[in-house]
Amino acid sequence: MKRLGSGILTVILYCFPFVYFSMYQDFVNRSMFGYLIMIVATSLLAFFVKYFCNSIPLIIGNILSTIISFYFIDRMEDSKGIGWDGGYFKPFSPSQLLVVVSFLNFIPQYIAMTLANKVRKC
């Protein structure tokens, strides 16, 4: 039961739209700080998920985070005058950049999971 509760908590924490938040911070503040927050937060979550020998919440959480980010980015593209489609994220559209950043975000998560395996063997 304890493992199920920690898995559900991890999925809930992963449901934050990390990529959307990062892209929004980049667009509004012209700051890459949002991407740093995304890398640190998802890497910590991946480390603890793997440390407690439960990888399913990591997969489900990443999928849900990407879907929620897609929803918010789609809403930003639909709103008039925001300028996301105006070429800020060239050569990609905002939706394409979401996919690219989501896949690239797996690299630090994989490194964190590898480190967790070395710390504690499952």
N, C-alpha and C. Protein backbone atom coordinates (compact mmCIF):
# COMPACT_ATOMS: atom_id res chain seq x y z
N MET A 1 0.84 -1.20 0.00
CA MET A 1 0.00 0.00 0.00
C MET A 1 0.87 1.25 0.00
N LYS A 2 2.00 1.18 0.74
CA LYS A 2 2.90 2.32 0.80
C LYS A 2 3.49 2.63 -0.58
N ARG A 3 3.80 1.58 -1.32
CA ARG A 3 4.37 1.74 -2.66
C ARG A 3 3.33 2.34 -3.62
N LEU A 4 2.07 1.93 -3.48
CA LEU A 4 1.01 2.48 -4.31
C LEU A 4 0.81 3.96 -4.03
N GLY A 5 0.85 4.33 -2.76
CA GLY A 5 0.68 5.74 -2.38
C GLY A 5 1.81 6.62 -2.90
N SER A 6 3.03 6.11 -2.82
CA SER A 6 4.16 6.90 -3.34
C SER A 6 4.10 6.99 -4.86
N GLY A 7 3.62 5.95 -5.52
CA GLY A 7 3.47 5.98 -6.98
C GLY A 7 2.43 6.99 -7.42
N ILE A 8 1.31 7.04 -6.70
CA ILE A 8 0.26 8.01 -7.03
C ILE A 8 0.76 9.43 -6.78
N LEU A 9 1.47 9.64 -5.69
CA LEU A 9 2.03 10.96 -5.40
C LEU A 9 3.01 11.39 -6.49
N THR A 10 3.83 10.48 -6.96
CA THR A 10 4.78 10.79 -8.02
C THR A 10 4.07 11.16 -9.31
N VAL A 11 3.03 10.42 -9.67
CA VAL A 11 2.27 10.74 -10.88
C VAL A 11 1.63 12.11 -10.75
N ILE A 12 1.10 12.42 -9.58
CA ILE A 12 0.49 13.74 -9.36
C ILE A 12 1.54 14.84 -9.50
N LEU A 13 2.73 14.63 -8.95
CA LEU A 13 3.79 15.63 -9.08
C LEU A 13 4.23 15.78 -10.53
N TYR A 14 4.26 14.69 -11.27
CA TYR A 14 4.64 14.74 -12.68
C TYR A 14 3.57 15.42 -13.54
N CYS A 15 2.35 15.51 -13.05
CA CYS A 15 1.27 16.10 -13.85
C CYS A 15 1.43 17.61 -14.04
N PHE A 16 2.39 18.21 -13.39
CA PHE A 16 2.68 19.62 -13.64
C PHE A 16 3.19 19.74 -15.08
N PRO A 17 2.70 20.70 -15.85
CA PRO A 17 3.14 20.83 -17.24
C PRO A 17 4.52 21.48 -17.33
N PHE A 18 5.56 20.72 -17.08
CA PHE A 18 6.92 21.24 -17.02
C PHE A 18 7.37 21.91 -18.31
N VAL A 19 7.10 21.30 -19.45
CA VAL A 19 7.56 21.86 -20.72
C VAL A 19 6.82 23.15 -21.04
N TYR A 20 5.51 23.17 -20.80
CA TYR A 20 4.75 24.39 -21.04
C TYR A 20 5.28 25.52 -20.15
N PHE A 21 5.51 25.23 -18.88
CA PHE A 21 6.02 26.24 -17.96
C PHE A 21 7.36 26.78 -18.44
N SER A 22 8.22 25.90 -18.90
CA SER A 22 9.54 26.31 -19.39
C SER A 22 9.42 27.19 -20.62
N MET A 23 8.58 26.79 -21.54
CA MET A 23 8.40 27.58 -22.77
C MET A 23 7.74 28.92 -22.47
N TYR A 24 6.81 28.92 -21.53
CA TYR A 24 6.15 30.17 -21.16
C TYR A 24 7.15 31.14 -20.54
N GLN A 25 8.00 30.64 -19.64
CA GLN A 25 9.02 31.49 -19.04
C GLN A 25 9.99 32.01 -20.09
N ASP A 26 10.33 31.19 -21.04
CA ASP A 26 11.21 31.59 -22.12
C ASP A 26 10.56 32.70 -22.95
N PHE A 27 9.29 32.54 -23.26
CA PHE A 27 8.60 33.52 -24.10
C PHE A 27 8.35 34.83 -23.38
N VAL A 28 7.87 34.77 -22.15
CA VAL A 28 7.48 35.98 -21.42
C VAL A 28 8.68 36.72 -20.86
N ASN A 29 9.59 36.00 -20.21
CA ASN A 29 10.72 36.65 -19.53
C ASN A 29 12.03 36.58 -20.30
N ARG A 30 12.01 35.91 -21.45
CA ARG A 30 13.24 35.71 -22.23
C ARG A 30 14.32 35.07 -21.35
N SER A 31 13.88 34.08 -20.56
CA SER A 31 14.75 33.45 -19.58
C SER A 31 14.75 31.94 -19.78
N MET A 32 15.91 31.35 -19.66
CA MET A 32 16.04 29.90 -19.75
C MET A 32 15.90 29.23 -18.39
N PHE A 33 15.57 30.02 -17.37
CA PHE A 33 15.46 29.52 -16.01
C PHE A 33 14.37 28.44 -15.89
N GLY A 34 13.30 28.58 -16.66
CA GLY A 34 12.23 27.58 -16.62
C GLY A 34 12.71 26.21 -17.07
N TYR A 35 13.60 26.18 -18.07
CA TYR A 35 14.14 24.90 -18.52
C TYR A 35 15.01 24.27 -17.43
N LEU A 36 15.75 25.09 -16.71
CA LEU A 36 16.58 24.58 -15.61
C LEU A 36 15.70 23.98 -14.51
N ILE A 37 14.63 24.68 -14.18
CA ILE A 37 13.70 24.16 -13.17
C ILE A 37 13.12 22.82 -13.63
N MET A 38 12.76 22.73 -14.90
CA MET A 38 12.20 21.49 -15.44
C MET A 38 13.22 20.35 -15.32
N ILE A 39 14.46 20.60 -15.70
CA ILE A 39 15.48 19.56 -15.66
C ILE A 39 15.72 19.09 -14.23
N VAL A 40 15.84 20.03 -13.30
CA VAL A 40 16.11 19.67 -11.91
C VAL A 40 14.92 18.91 -11.30
N ALA A 41 13.71 19.43 -11.51
CA ALA A 41 12.53 18.80 -10.90
C ALA A 41 12.29 17.40 -11.45
N THR A 42 12.33 17.24 -12.76
CA THR A 42 12.07 15.92 -13.32
C THR A 42 13.20 14.94 -13.01
N SER A 43 14.42 15.44 -12.92
CA SER A 43 15.54 14.55 -12.57
C SER A 43 15.42 14.07 -11.12
N LEU A 44 15.03 14.97 -10.23
CA LEU A 44 14.81 14.55 -8.83
C LEU A 44 13.68 13.54 -8.72
N LEU A 45 12.59 13.79 -9.44
CA LEU A 45 11.49 12.84 -9.42
C LEU A 45 11.93 11.49 -9.97
N ALA A 46 12.68 11.49 -11.07
CA ALA A 46 13.16 10.24 -11.66
C ALA A 46 14.10 9.50 -10.70
N PHE A 47 14.95 10.24 -10.02
CA PHE A 47 15.86 9.62 -9.06
C PHE A 47 15.09 8.91 -7.95
N PHE A 48 14.11 9.61 -7.36
CA PHE A 48 13.37 9.01 -6.26
C PHE A 48 12.48 7.86 -6.71
N VAL A 49 11.93 7.96 -7.92
CA VAL A 49 11.11 6.87 -8.44
C VAL A 49 11.98 5.61 -8.60
N LYS A 50 13.13 5.77 -9.20
CA LYS A 50 14.01 4.62 -9.41
C LYS A 50 14.63 4.14 -8.10
N TYR A 51 14.91 5.05 -7.19
CA TYR A 51 15.48 4.69 -5.89
C TYR A 51 14.53 3.77 -5.12
N PHE A 52 13.24 4.02 -5.26
CA PHE A 52 12.25 3.20 -4.57
C PHE A 52 11.74 2.07 -5.46
N CYS A 53 12.49 1.79 -6.55
CA CYS A 53 12.26 0.62 -7.40
C CYS A 53 10.85 0.56 -8.01
N ASN A 54 10.40 1.68 -8.53
CA ASN A 54 9.07 1.72 -9.11
C ASN A 54 9.10 2.64 -10.32
N SER A 55 9.28 2.08 -11.51
CA SER A 55 9.45 2.89 -12.72
C SER A 55 8.14 3.21 -13.45
N ILE A 56 7.06 2.54 -13.13
CA ILE A 56 5.79 2.78 -13.82
C ILE A 56 5.30 4.22 -13.63
N PRO A 57 5.35 4.81 -12.41
CA PRO A 57 4.91 6.21 -12.28
C PRO A 57 5.73 7.19 -13.11
N LEU A 58 6.98 6.87 -13.36
CA LEU A 58 7.83 7.72 -14.20
C LEU A 58 7.29 7.76 -15.63
N ILE A 59 6.95 6.63 -16.17
CA ILE A 59 6.43 6.56 -17.54
C ILE A 59 5.07 7.24 -17.64
N ILE A 60 4.17 6.90 -16.73
CA ILE A 60 2.83 7.50 -16.74
C ILE A 60 2.91 9.00 -16.50
N GLY A 61 3.75 9.43 -15.57
CA GLY A 61 3.87 10.85 -15.26
C GLY A 61 4.42 11.67 -16.41
N ASN A 62 5.42 11.14 -17.11
CA ASN A 62 5.97 11.85 -18.26
C ASN A 62 4.93 11.99 -19.37
N ILE A 63 4.17 10.94 -19.61
CA ILE A 63 3.13 10.99 -20.63
C ILE A 63 2.07 12.02 -20.25
N LEU A 64 1.62 11.99 -19.00
CA LEU A 64 0.60 12.95 -18.56
C LEU A 64 1.11 14.39 -18.59
N SER A 65 2.35 14.61 -18.20
CA SER A 65 2.93 15.95 -18.23
C SER A 65 2.98 16.48 -19.67
N THR A 66 3.34 15.63 -20.61
CA THR A 66 3.38 16.03 -22.01
C THR A 66 1.99 16.34 -22.54
N ILE A 67 1.01 15.52 -22.19
CA ILE A 67 -0.37 15.76 -22.64
C ILE A 67 -0.90 17.07 -22.07
N ILE A 68 -0.66 17.32 -20.80
CA ILE A 68 -1.13 18.56 -20.17
C ILE A 68 -0.41 19.76 -20.78
N SER A 69 0.87 19.64 -21.05
CA SER A 69 1.61 20.72 -21.71
C SER A 69 1.06 20.97 -23.10
N PHE A 70 0.74 19.90 -23.83
CA PHE A 70 0.13 20.05 -25.15
C PHE A 70 -1.17 20.83 -25.06
N TYR A 71 -1.99 20.52 -24.06
CA TYR A 71 -3.26 21.22 -23.88
C TYR A 71 -3.03 22.72 -23.69
N PHE A 72 -2.13 23.08 -22.79
CA PHE A 72 -1.89 24.50 -22.51
C PHE A 72 -1.25 25.22 -23.70
N ILE A 73 -0.36 24.56 -24.40
CA ILE A 73 0.26 25.18 -25.57
C ILE A 73 -0.78 25.38 -26.67
N ASP A 74 -1.66 24.41 -26.83
CA ASP A 74 -2.74 24.57 -27.81
C ASP A 74 -3.63 25.74 -27.44
N ARG A 75 -3.90 25.91 -26.16
CA ARG A 75 -4.72 27.05 -25.71
C ARG A 75 -4.00 28.38 -25.97
N MET A 76 -2.68 28.41 -25.81
CA MET A 76 -1.92 29.63 -26.06
C MET A 76 -1.87 29.95 -27.55
N GLU A 77 -1.80 28.92 -28.40
CA GLU A 77 -1.78 29.15 -29.84
C GLU A 77 -3.13 29.65 -30.32
N ASP A 78 -4.22 29.23 -29.67
CA ASP A 78 -5.56 29.65 -30.07
C ASP A 78 -5.88 31.08 -29.64
N SER A 79 -5.26 31.54 -28.55
CA SER A 79 -5.58 32.89 -28.07
C SER A 79 -5.00 33.92 -29.03
N LYS A 80 -5.75 34.94 -29.27
CA LYS A 80 -5.35 35.97 -30.24
C LYS A 80 -4.33 36.92 -29.62
N GLY A 81 -3.33 37.26 -30.39
CA GLY A 81 -2.40 38.30 -29.99
C GLY A 81 -1.27 37.87 -29.08
N ILE A 82 -1.18 36.59 -28.72
CA ILE A 82 -0.11 36.19 -27.80
C ILE A 82 1.22 36.06 -28.53
N GLY A 83 1.22 35.71 -29.81
CA GLY A 83 2.44 35.71 -30.59
C GLY A 83 3.25 34.43 -30.58
N TRP A 84 2.72 33.35 -30.03
CA TRP A 84 3.48 32.10 -30.01
C TRP A 84 3.67 31.56 -31.41
N ASP A 85 2.70 31.77 -32.28
CA ASP A 85 2.84 31.31 -33.66
C ASP A 85 3.62 32.29 -34.51
N GLY A 86 4.00 33.41 -33.95
CA GLY A 86 4.69 34.45 -34.71
C GLY A 86 6.14 34.17 -34.99
N GLY A 87 6.65 33.01 -34.64
CA GLY A 87 8.01 32.64 -34.99
C GLY A 87 9.01 32.75 -33.86
N TYR A 88 8.55 32.86 -32.62
CA TYR A 88 9.49 32.98 -31.50
C TYR A 88 10.33 31.71 -31.34
N PHE A 89 9.72 30.57 -31.54
CA PHE A 89 10.42 29.30 -31.31
C PHE A 89 10.97 28.72 -32.61
N LYS A 90 11.35 29.56 -33.56
CA LYS A 90 11.88 29.12 -34.85
C LYS A 90 13.11 28.26 -34.64
N PRO A 91 13.31 27.25 -35.39
CA PRO A 91 12.65 26.77 -36.59
C PRO A 91 11.46 25.86 -36.30
N PHE A 92 11.08 25.71 -35.05
CA PHE A 92 9.97 24.83 -34.69
C PHE A 92 8.72 25.65 -34.39
N SER A 93 7.59 25.00 -34.51
CA SER A 93 6.36 25.58 -33.98
C SER A 93 6.34 25.26 -32.48
N PRO A 94 5.49 25.92 -31.70
CA PRO A 94 5.46 25.60 -30.26
C PRO A 94 5.15 24.12 -29.98
N SER A 95 4.27 23.52 -30.74
CA SER A 95 3.95 22.10 -30.53
C SER A 95 5.12 21.20 -30.87
N GLN A 96 5.85 21.53 -31.92
CA GLN A 96 7.02 20.74 -32.28
C GLN A 96 8.11 20.88 -31.22
N LEU A 97 8.30 22.09 -30.72
CA LEU A 97 9.30 22.29 -29.68
C LEU A 97 8.93 21.53 -28.41
N LEU A 98 7.65 21.44 -28.12
CA LEU A 98 7.20 20.66 -26.96
C LEU A 98 7.65 19.21 -27.09
N VAL A 99 7.49 18.63 -28.26
CA VAL A 99 7.89 17.24 -28.48
C VAL A 99 9.40 17.10 -28.35
N VAL A 100 10.15 18.02 -28.95
CA VAL A 100 11.61 17.96 -28.89
C VAL A 100 12.11 18.09 -27.45
N VAL A 101 11.59 19.07 -26.72
CA VAL A 101 12.03 19.29 -25.34
C VAL A 101 11.62 18.11 -24.46
N SER A 102 10.44 17.55 -24.69
CA SER A 102 10.00 16.39 -23.90
C SER A 102 10.95 15.21 -24.09
N PHE A 103 11.35 14.96 -25.33
CA PHE A 103 12.30 13.87 -25.57
C PHE A 103 13.68 14.18 -25.00
N LEU A 104 14.13 15.41 -25.14
CA LEU A 104 15.44 15.77 -24.59
C LEU A 104 15.44 15.73 -23.06
N ASN A 105 14.28 15.93 -22.46
CA ASN A 105 14.17 15.89 -21.01
C ASN A 105 14.37 14.48 -20.45
N PHE A 106 14.26 13.47 -21.31
CA PHE A 106 14.50 12.10 -20.87
C PHE A 106 15.97 11.84 -20.57
N ILE A 107 16.87 12.61 -21.18
CA ILE A 107 18.32 12.39 -20.98
C ILE A 107 18.72 12.62 -19.53
N PRO A 108 18.41 13.80 -18.92
CA PRO A 108 18.78 13.95 -17.51
C PRO A 108 18.01 13.00 -16.59
N GLN A 109 16.79 12.63 -16.97
CA GLN A 109 16.05 11.67 -16.16
C GLN A 109 16.72 10.30 -16.20
N TYR A 110 17.21 9.92 -17.37
CA TYR A 110 17.92 8.64 -17.49
C TYR A 110 19.20 8.65 -16.66
N ILE A 111 19.91 9.76 -16.68
CA ILE A 111 21.13 9.87 -15.87
C ILE A 111 20.80 9.77 -14.39
N ALA A 112 19.71 10.41 -13.97
CA ALA A 112 19.30 10.34 -12.56
C ALA A 112 18.89 8.92 -12.18
N MET A 113 18.22 8.24 -13.09
CA MET A 113 17.83 6.86 -12.81
C MET A 113 19.05 5.94 -12.71
N THR A 114 20.03 6.17 -13.57
CA THR A 114 21.27 5.39 -13.51
C THR A 114 21.99 5.63 -12.19
N LEU A 115 22.03 6.87 -11.76
CA LEU A 115 22.65 7.20 -10.47
C LEU A 115 21.90 6.53 -9.33
N ALA A 116 20.58 6.51 -9.40
CA ALA A 116 19.78 5.85 -8.35
C ALA A 116 20.05 4.35 -8.32
N ASN A 117 20.26 3.75 -9.48
CA ASN A 117 20.60 2.32 -9.53
C ASN A 117 21.93 2.05 -8.86
N LYS A 118 22.89 2.95 -9.04
CA LYS A 118 24.20 2.76 -8.42
C LYS A 118 24.14 2.94 -6.90
N VAL A 119 23.27 3.85 -6.46
CA VAL A 119 23.13 4.10 -5.03
C VAL A 119 22.42 2.94 -4.34
N ARG A 120 21.37 2.45 -4.98
CA ARG A 120 20.58 1.38 -4.39
C ARG A 120 20.22 0.38 -5.48
N LYS A 121 20.64 -0.84 -5.34
CA LYS A 121 20.32 -1.88 -6.31
C LYS A 121 18.92 -2.38 -6.06
N CYS A 122 18.12 -2.44 -7.15
CA CYS A 122 16.73 -2.95 -7.05
C CYS A 122 16.69 -4.42 -7.41
